[in-house]
């Protein structure tokens, strides 16, 4: 039986983040069904990561969809950028077509890369776009040349996959002829081990890259306000020297000297989550939030900002029993089986609120909630049934 040859357009190159890890989970789930080729804009940590796992990686420079300058600077740079982009994107398409040859489908792995549609049209194959981010309110992005152009490309794609109902609604995908909501596969069902009762007195803040977008300063403020004086706060992930120094200085000013630690990025955070008292997710309008889902698998209490994907995940509002919500049904969210707000974790609206929730989670381990969260994670985010859902999308795009 011939396998579907898919060209995946990847957005990350220098930092291994959630979209790349989600891509890995998808490729592992689809193993044996597809022949993947991964396109990156530059060599770096991410290409090394995928090559070590045996994937065919192609590096050809191209532009992301973002163009961030504002005001007068945007006006001055707009035309030169447009000219450079015109040639660079077309050179990329030419080189990819020459090197890769025939593919059956192009799959863009993030809302922040839009060259996938151009590649698909030149190759004469369908384009699938995976929407993983609140590109506007979460990433504060500005696509080139405009939002109108970006949305036009979104609706010209042959299929669109949103990873949460919130993203599905945010981008108006109920109006798309072939859009659906499929939560990311994050872990195998085997990752859901019995929930531990005895925990280390430590709180985790996990990110592939610890940046301002992840709001690590807010995590320090929450931890300081919680009054958990016998606990440690562990930052897990890649961090620049300047960011680490800024966080260390802030920790000292908040009276946390000696109780904040930094741990380099690790591929498998499950052992850390299983033994820790709680995890903090502070990002505003997180696309879905892998850390929250990984914590649910591990049986670790989650305290997260009440917005975006964190709200969807921790309220149980992640796709309902079918896991797939179709825009063709005339339904912007489908049957969602919505649980009470925060039924699978704690959602906060302010630093004092978060501090109180964190203290409660650490001091009174919510075992019933953790077991319910683990059960929901198994039904919604395990890799075992993910391949069939993505292959259904591929078939619908190729009709």
Protein backbone atom coordinates (compact mmCIF):
# COMPACT_ATOMS: atom_id res chain seq x y z
CA UNK A 1 0.00 0.00 0.00
CA UNK A 2 1.51 3.36 -1.05
CA UNK A 3 2.00 5.98 1.63
CA UNK A 4 0.85 9.59 1.35
CA UNK A 5 3.87 11.86 0.78
CA UNK A 6 3.41 15.01 2.86
CA UNK A 7 5.54 18.16 2.94
CA UNK A 8 5.36 19.75 6.40
CA UNK A 9 6.20 23.47 6.64
CA UNK A 10 7.69 24.15 10.09
CA UNK A 11 7.77 27.51 11.86
CA UNK A 12 10.38 26.89 14.58
CA UNK A 13 14.12 26.71 13.93
CA UNK A 14 16.19 28.05 16.84
CA UNK A 15 13.96 27.01 19.77
CA UNK A 16 12.12 23.74 20.26
CA UNK A 17 8.61 24.70 21.34
CA UNK A 18 5.10 23.36 21.55
CA UNK A 19 4.32 23.37 17.82
CA UNK A 20 7.39 21.24 17.04
CA UNK A 21 6.65 18.80 19.85
CA UNK A 22 3.05 18.55 18.64
CA UNK A 23 4.34 17.90 15.12
CA UNK A 24 6.52 15.10 16.48
CA UNK A 25 3.51 13.53 18.22
CA UNK A 26 1.55 13.75 14.95
CA UNK A 27 4.36 12.18 12.90
CA UNK A 28 4.76 9.38 15.42
CA UNK A 29 1.01 8.71 15.35
CA UNK A 30 1.04 8.66 11.52
CA UNK A 31 4.10 6.41 11.29
CA UNK A 32 3.61 3.88 8.50
CA UNK A 33 0.78 5.86 6.86
CA UNK A 34 2.78 8.78 5.45
CA UNK A 35 6.17 9.59 3.94
CA UNK A 36 7.04 12.95 5.60
CA UNK A 37 9.43 15.66 4.42
CA UNK A 38 9.99 18.53 6.88
CA UNK A 39 10.78 22.02 5.53
CA UNK A 40 12.65 24.49 7.79
CA UNK A 41 13.80 28.05 7.15
CA UNK A 42 17.22 27.48 8.77
CA UNK A 43 19.38 24.86 10.42
CA UNK A 44 19.41 24.75 14.19
CA UNK A 45 18.26 23.01 17.33
CA UNK A 46 14.93 21.96 15.84
CA UNK A 47 16.31 20.39 12.65
CA UNK A 48 18.87 18.50 14.76
CA UNK A 49 16.08 17.27 17.01
CA UNK A 50 14.06 15.85 14.11
CA UNK A 51 17.07 14.46 12.22
CA UNK A 52 18.14 12.55 15.33
CA UNK A 53 14.72 10.91 15.27
CA UNK A 54 15.19 9.85 11.66
CA UNK A 55 13.07 12.40 9.80
CA UNK A 56 13.92 13.82 6.37
CA UNK A 57 14.61 17.53 6.96
CA UNK A 58 15.03 20.09 4.18
CA UNK A 59 16.43 23.57 4.91
CA UNK A 60 15.50 26.34 2.46
CA UNK A 61 15.28 29.99 3.63
CA UNK A 62 11.82 31.57 3.57
CA UNK A 63 9.92 34.26 5.44
CA UNK A 64 7.42 33.65 8.17
CA UNK A 65 4.11 35.42 7.70
CA UNK A 66 5.01 38.00 10.39
CA UNK A 67 6.12 41.57 9.68
CA UNK A 68 6.30 43.35 13.03
CA UNK A 69 7.34 47.01 12.47
CA UNK A 70 4.63 49.55 13.27
CA UNK A 71 3.87 53.17 12.47
CA UNK A 72 6.28 55.18 10.34
CA UNK A 73 8.95 52.44 10.41
CA UNK A 74 6.47 49.98 8.93
CA UNK A 75 5.70 52.42 6.11
CA UNK A 76 9.40 52.96 5.34
CA UNK A 77 10.28 49.27 5.41
CA UNK A 78 7.13 47.97 3.74
CA UNK A 79 8.19 48.22 0.07
CA UNK A 80 11.78 46.91 0.51
CA UNK A 81 10.40 44.04 2.57
CA UNK A 82 7.77 43.29 -0.08
CA UNK A 83 10.42 43.10 -2.80
CA UNK A 84 12.75 40.87 -0.76
CA UNK A 85 9.86 38.65 0.28
CA UNK A 86 8.65 38.30 -3.32
CA UNK A 87 11.99 36.92 -4.50
CA UNK A 88 12.85 34.88 -1.41
CA UNK A 89 9.52 33.07 -1.26
CA UNK A 90 9.61 32.23 -4.97
CA UNK A 91 13.21 31.02 -4.78
CA UNK A 92 12.15 28.80 -1.87
CA UNK A 93 9.28 27.33 -3.89
CA UNK A 94 11.57 26.65 -6.88
CA UNK A 95 14.23 24.95 -4.75
CA UNK A 96 11.73 22.85 -2.80
CA UNK A 97 10.03 21.64 -5.98
CA UNK A 98 13.41 20.77 -7.52
CA UNK A 99 14.70 18.89 -4.46
CA UNK A 100 11.56 17.26 -3.10
CA UNK A 101 9.84 16.34 -6.34
CA UNK A 102 6.29 15.03 -6.15
CA UNK A 103 4.26 15.22 -2.95
CA UNK A 104 0.58 14.46 -2.34
CA UNK A 105 -0.14 17.24 0.14
CA UNK A 106 1.40 20.27 1.88
CA UNK A 107 0.72 20.68 5.61
CA UNK A 108 1.59 24.00 7.33
CA UNK A 109 2.29 23.32 11.00
CA UNK A 110 1.55 26.81 12.39
CA UNK A 111 -0.48 29.94 11.71
CA UNK A 112 2.80 31.91 11.59
CA UNK A 113 3.99 30.36 8.28
CA UNK A 114 1.98 31.06 5.13
CA UNK A 115 4.29 29.89 2.35
CA UNK A 116 2.62 26.46 2.47
CA UNK A 117 -0.33 27.63 0.39
CA UNK A 118 2.01 28.99 -2.32
CA UNK A 119 3.94 25.71 -2.36
CA UNK A 120 0.76 23.67 -2.61
CA UNK A 121 -0.64 25.74 -5.46
CA UNK A 122 2.62 25.57 -7.46
CA UNK A 123 2.83 21.82 -6.86
CA UNK A 124 -0.82 21.29 -7.75
CA UNK A 125 -1.67 19.57 -4.45
CA UNK A 126 -4.01 20.33 -1.51
CA UNK A 127 -2.98 22.51 1.43
CA UNK A 128 -3.81 21.74 5.06
CA UNK A 129 -3.24 24.50 7.63
CA UNK A 130 -2.84 23.66 11.32
CA UNK A 131 -3.91 26.63 13.46
CA UNK A 132 -2.21 26.32 16.83
CA UNK A 133 -2.02 29.92 18.06
CA UNK A 134 -3.99 33.02 18.88
CA UNK A 135 -1.76 34.77 16.38
CA UNK A 136 -3.21 38.19 17.18
CA UNK A 137 -4.15 38.31 20.87
CA UNK A 138 -1.70 35.65 22.08
CA UNK A 139 1.42 36.22 19.97
CA UNK A 140 0.57 39.86 19.16
CA UNK A 141 1.62 39.10 15.59
CA UNK A 142 1.17 41.23 12.47
CA UNK A 143 1.17 39.24 9.23
CA UNK A 144 2.40 40.64 5.93
CA UNK A 145 0.91 42.49 4.18
CA UNK A 146 -2.25 42.56 6.32
CA UNK A 147 -4.69 40.54 8.36
CA UNK A 148 -7.10 40.59 5.43
CA UNK A 149 -4.52 38.85 3.24
CA UNK A 150 -3.70 36.27 5.93
CA UNK A 151 -7.36 35.41 6.47
CA UNK A 152 -7.90 35.12 2.72
CA UNK A 153 -5.13 32.50 2.61
CA UNK A 154 -6.69 30.72 5.56
CA UNK A 155 -10.01 30.38 3.77
CA UNK A 156 -8.36 29.38 0.47
CA UNK A 157 -6.72 26.38 2.17
CA UNK A 158 -8.28 23.02 1.31
CA UNK A 159 -8.58 22.03 4.98
CA UNK A 160 -7.97 23.80 8.29
CA UNK A 161 -7.39 22.16 11.68
CA UNK A 162 -7.85 24.19 14.88
CA UNK A 163 -6.57 22.59 18.07
CA UNK A 164 -9.26 23.99 20.40
CA UNK A 165 -12.88 25.12 20.05
CA UNK A 166 -11.76 28.58 21.18
CA UNK A 167 -9.41 28.89 18.18
CA UNK A 168 -12.10 27.46 15.89
CA UNK A 169 -14.49 30.22 16.94
CA UNK A 170 -11.84 32.95 17.14
CA UNK A 171 -10.97 32.60 13.46
CA UNK A 172 -14.57 32.10 12.32
CA UNK A 173 -13.84 28.63 10.94
CA UNK A 174 -17.50 27.67 11.02
CA UNK A 175 -17.62 29.59 7.72
CA UNK A 176 -14.82 27.52 6.14
CA UNK A 177 -15.93 24.80 3.74
CA UNK A 178 -13.65 22.19 5.34
CA UNK A 179 -12.49 23.10 8.85
CA UNK A 180 -12.45 21.02 12.00
CA UNK A 181 -11.28 21.03 15.60
CA UNK A 182 -8.92 18.23 16.63
CA UNK A 183 -7.08 18.53 19.97
CA UNK A 184 -3.37 17.79 19.70
CA UNK A 185 -2.14 14.36 20.68
CA UNK A 186 0.31 14.96 23.52
CA UNK A 187 1.09 11.61 25.13
CA UNK A 188 0.55 7.90 24.74
CA UNK A 189 -2.07 6.41 27.03
CA UNK A 190 0.78 4.57 28.74
CA UNK A 191 1.95 7.92 30.19
CA UNK A 192 -1.04 8.02 32.54
CA UNK A 193 0.40 6.28 35.59
CA UNK A 194 -1.39 6.16 38.98
CA UNK A 195 -1.62 9.60 40.61
CA UNK A 196 0.98 10.04 43.36
CA UNK A 197 -0.12 11.19 46.80
CA UNK A 198 3.34 12.00 48.15
CA UNK A 199 4.88 15.00 46.31
CA UNK A 200 8.01 17.11 46.45
CA UNK A 201 7.43 20.66 47.68
CA UNK A 202 8.10 22.24 44.32
CA UNK A 203 6.09 24.18 41.74
CA UNK A 204 6.92 23.95 38.03
CA UNK A 205 6.94 26.57 35.29
CA UNK A 206 7.68 24.75 32.01
CA UNK A 207 8.27 26.21 28.54
CA UNK A 208 10.33 25.20 25.54
CA UNK A 209 11.66 28.76 25.51
CA UNK A 210 11.09 30.94 28.59
CA UNK A 211 10.18 34.30 27.07
CA UNK A 212 8.05 37.33 27.90
CA UNK A 213 5.10 35.74 26.09
CA UNK A 214 5.06 32.96 28.71
CA UNK A 215 4.91 35.55 31.55
CA UNK A 216 7.56 34.06 33.88
CA UNK A 217 7.57 37.29 35.94
CA UNK A 218 3.92 36.68 36.76
CA UNK A 219 4.81 33.16 37.91
CA UNK A 220 7.31 34.65 40.38
CA UNK A 221 4.71 37.12 41.66
CA UNK A 222 2.14 34.35 42.13
CA UNK A 223 4.63 32.11 43.90
CA UNK A 224 5.75 34.91 46.21
CA UNK A 225 2.15 35.85 47.06
CA UNK A 226 1.18 32.23 47.77
CA UNK A 227 3.10 32.15 51.05
CA UNK A 228 4.45 28.67 50.32
CA UNK A 229 7.72 29.38 52.11
CA UNK A 230 8.83 25.73 52.19
CA UNK A 231 8.43 25.25 48.41
CA UNK A 232 10.73 25.84 45.45
CA UNK A 233 9.80 27.27 42.05
CA UNK A 234 11.50 25.48 39.15
CA UNK A 235 11.78 27.13 35.73
CA UNK A 236 12.19 24.34 33.17
CA UNK A 237 13.21 25.26 29.61
CA UNK A 238 15.64 27.23 27.50
CA UNK A 239 16.36 30.71 28.85
CA UNK A 240 18.66 33.49 27.71
CA UNK A 241 21.34 34.83 30.04
CA UNK A 242 19.54 38.18 30.26
CA UNK A 243 16.13 36.63 30.99
CA UNK A 244 17.64 34.40 33.67
CA UNK A 245 19.34 37.39 35.31
CA UNK A 246 16.14 39.47 35.17
CA UNK A 247 14.15 36.65 36.78
CA UNK A 248 16.84 36.10 39.43
CA UNK A 249 16.81 39.81 40.28
CA UNK A 250 13.01 39.86 40.50
CA UNK A 251 13.05 36.74 42.68
CA UNK A 252 15.45 38.42 45.09
CA UNK A 253 13.30 41.55 45.26
CA UNK A 254 10.27 39.37 46.09
CA UNK A 255 12.08 37.57 48.90
CA UNK A 256 12.55 34.33 46.94
CA UNK A 257 16.36 34.20 46.92
CA UNK A 258 17.51 30.59 47.08
CA UNK A 259 14.04 29.19 46.31
CA UNK A 260 14.05 29.61 42.52
CA UNK A 261 15.93 27.19 40.27
CA UNK A 262 16.51 26.90 36.52
CA UNK A 263 16.55 23.53 34.76
CA UNK A 264 17.50 23.18 31.07
CA UNK A 265 14.91 22.00 28.56
CA UNK A 266 14.13 18.28 28.79
CA UNK A 267 12.32 16.14 26.19
CA UNK A 268 10.26 14.30 28.79
CA UNK A 269 8.79 16.43 31.57
CA UNK A 270 6.44 13.72 32.84
CA UNK A 271 8.69 12.52 35.72
CA UNK A 272 9.01 16.12 36.95
CA UNK A 273 5.26 16.69 36.75
CA UNK A 274 4.37 13.44 38.53
CA UNK A 275 6.45 14.30 41.58
CA UNK A 276 5.69 18.03 41.83
CA UNK A 277 3.06 19.79 43.91
CA UNK A 278 1.67 21.94 41.06
CA UNK A 279 2.36 23.51 37.67
CA UNK A 280 1.85 27.16 36.70
CA UNK A 281 0.75 28.20 33.18
CA UNK A 282 0.70 31.99 32.92
CA UNK A 283 0.55 32.64 29.16
CA UNK A 284 -2.32 34.85 28.03
CA UNK A 285 -4.37 33.22 25.26
CA UNK A 286 -2.25 30.08 25.05
CA UNK A 287 -3.09 28.19 21.84
CA UNK A 288 -3.83 24.96 23.66
CA UNK A 289 -1.17 24.56 26.30
CA UNK A 290 0.83 21.32 26.16
CA UNK A 291 2.06 21.78 29.72
CA UNK A 292 -1.48 21.77 31.10
CA UNK A 293 -2.30 18.60 29.16
CA UNK A 294 0.96 16.90 30.17
CA UNK A 295 0.16 17.78 33.78
CA UNK A 296 -3.29 16.20 33.39
CA UNK A 297 -1.67 12.96 32.15
CA UNK A 298 0.80 13.08 35.05
CA UNK A 299 -1.79 13.80 37.73
CA UNK A 300 -0.26 17.17 38.62
CA UNK A 301 -2.48 20.10 39.72
CA UNK A 302 -2.52 22.97 37.20
CA UNK A 303 -3.03 26.66 37.96
CA UNK A 304 -3.48 28.58 34.70
CA UNK A 305 -4.64 31.94 33.37
CA UNK A 306 -8.34 32.04 32.56
CA UNK A 307 -8.03 32.62 28.82
CA UNK A 308 -7.52 30.92 25.46
CA UNK A 309 -6.54 27.27 25.31
CA UNK A 310 -5.93 27.00 29.05
CA UNK A 311 -9.59 27.79 29.63
CA UNK A 312 -10.66 25.26 26.98
CA UNK A 313 -8.44 22.50 28.35
CA UNK A 314 -9.07 22.93 32.07
CA UNK A 315 -12.82 23.46 31.73
CA UNK A 316 -13.08 20.29 29.64
CA UNK A 317 -14.14 22.39 26.63
CA UNK A 318 -11.77 20.73 24.16
CA UNK A 319 -13.86 19.12 21.49
CA UNK A 320 -16.53 16.98 23.11
CA UNK A 321 -16.85 13.22 22.85
CA UNK A 322 -16.32 13.16 19.08
CA UNK A 323 -13.12 15.23 19.32
CA UNK A 324 -13.79 16.56 15.81
CA UNK A 325 -15.93 19.62 15.21
CA UNK A 326 -16.69 20.37 11.59
CA UNK A 327 -17.33 23.75 10.07
CA UNK A 328 -19.47 22.04 7.44
CA UNK A 329 -22.04 21.13 10.06
CA UNK A 330 -23.12 24.75 10.40
CA UNK A 331 -21.90 24.61 13.97
CA UNK A 332 -19.16 26.82 15.41
CA UNK A 333 -18.35 24.58 18.31
CA UNK A 334 -20.25 21.32 18.10
CA UNK A 335 -21.39 19.37 21.13
CA UNK A 336 -18.74 20.19 23.68
CA UNK A 337 -19.68 18.32 26.85
CA UNK A 338 -18.59 21.41 28.79
CA UNK A 339 -17.72 20.77 32.41
CA UNK A 340 -17.89 23.36 35.15
CA UNK A 341 -15.30 26.11 34.69
CA UNK A 342 -11.97 24.86 35.96
CA UNK A 343 -13.22 21.32 36.65
CA UNK A 344 -9.90 19.84 35.48
CA UNK A 345 -7.64 22.47 37.05
CA UNK A 346 -7.62 25.97 38.54
CA UNK A 347 -8.18 29.07 36.39
CA UNK A 348 -7.18 32.48 37.72
CA UNK A 349 -8.04 36.07 36.82
CA UNK A 350 -5.42 37.95 38.89
CA UNK A 351 -2.17 37.36 40.76
CA UNK A 352 -3.84 37.26 44.22
CA UNK A 353 -6.45 34.84 42.88
CA UNK A 354 -3.73 32.63 41.39
CA UNK A 355 -1.74 32.70 44.64
CA UNK A 356 -4.76 31.51 46.62
CA UNK A 357 -5.47 28.74 44.11
CA UNK A 358 -1.83 27.64 44.07
CA UNK A 359 -1.68 27.47 47.85
CA UNK A 360 -4.92 25.45 47.98
CA UNK A 361 -3.68 23.00 45.32
CA UNK A 362 -0.38 22.43 47.11
CA UNK A 363 -1.76 22.20 50.65
CA UNK A 364 -4.84 20.09 49.80
CA UNK A 365 -4.00 17.79 46.89
CA UNK A 366 -7.26 17.56 44.83
CA UNK A 367 -7.07 13.84 44.08
CA UNK A 368 -10.62 13.52 42.70
CA UNK A 369 -10.01 16.40 40.29
CA UNK A 370 -6.64 14.98 39.22
CA UNK A 371 -8.11 11.56 38.43
CA UNK A 372 -10.92 13.15 36.44
CA UNK A 373 -8.38 15.30 34.56
CA UNK A 374 -6.26 12.24 33.79
CA UNK A 375 -9.31 10.40 32.47
CA UNK A 376 -10.19 13.33 30.19
CA UNK A 377 -6.60 13.55 28.97
CA UNK A 378 -6.71 9.88 28.01
CA UNK A 379 -9.89 10.33 26.00
CA UNK A 380 -8.94 13.60 24.26
CA UNK A 381 -5.16 13.91 23.96
CA UNK A 382 -3.68 10.41 23.65
CA UNK A 383 -1.88 9.43 20.44
CA UNK A 384 -3.67 6.11 20.03
CA UNK A 385 -6.60 7.43 17.94
CA UNK A 386 -5.00 10.61 16.59
CA UNK A 387 -3.72 9.18 13.29
CA UNK A 388 -7.21 8.25 12.09
CA UNK A 389 -8.44 11.82 12.68
CA UNK A 390 -5.56 13.45 10.76
CA UNK A 391 -5.84 10.95 7.89
CA UNK A 392 -9.54 11.83 7.65
CA UNK A 393 -8.51 15.48 7.21
CA UNK A 394 -6.00 14.52 4.51
CA UNK A 395 -8.64 12.53 2.62
CA UNK A 396 -11.13 15.40 2.81
CA UNK A 397 -8.51 17.88 1.52
CA UNK A 398 -7.71 15.68 -1.50
CA UNK A 399 -11.31 15.31 -2.69
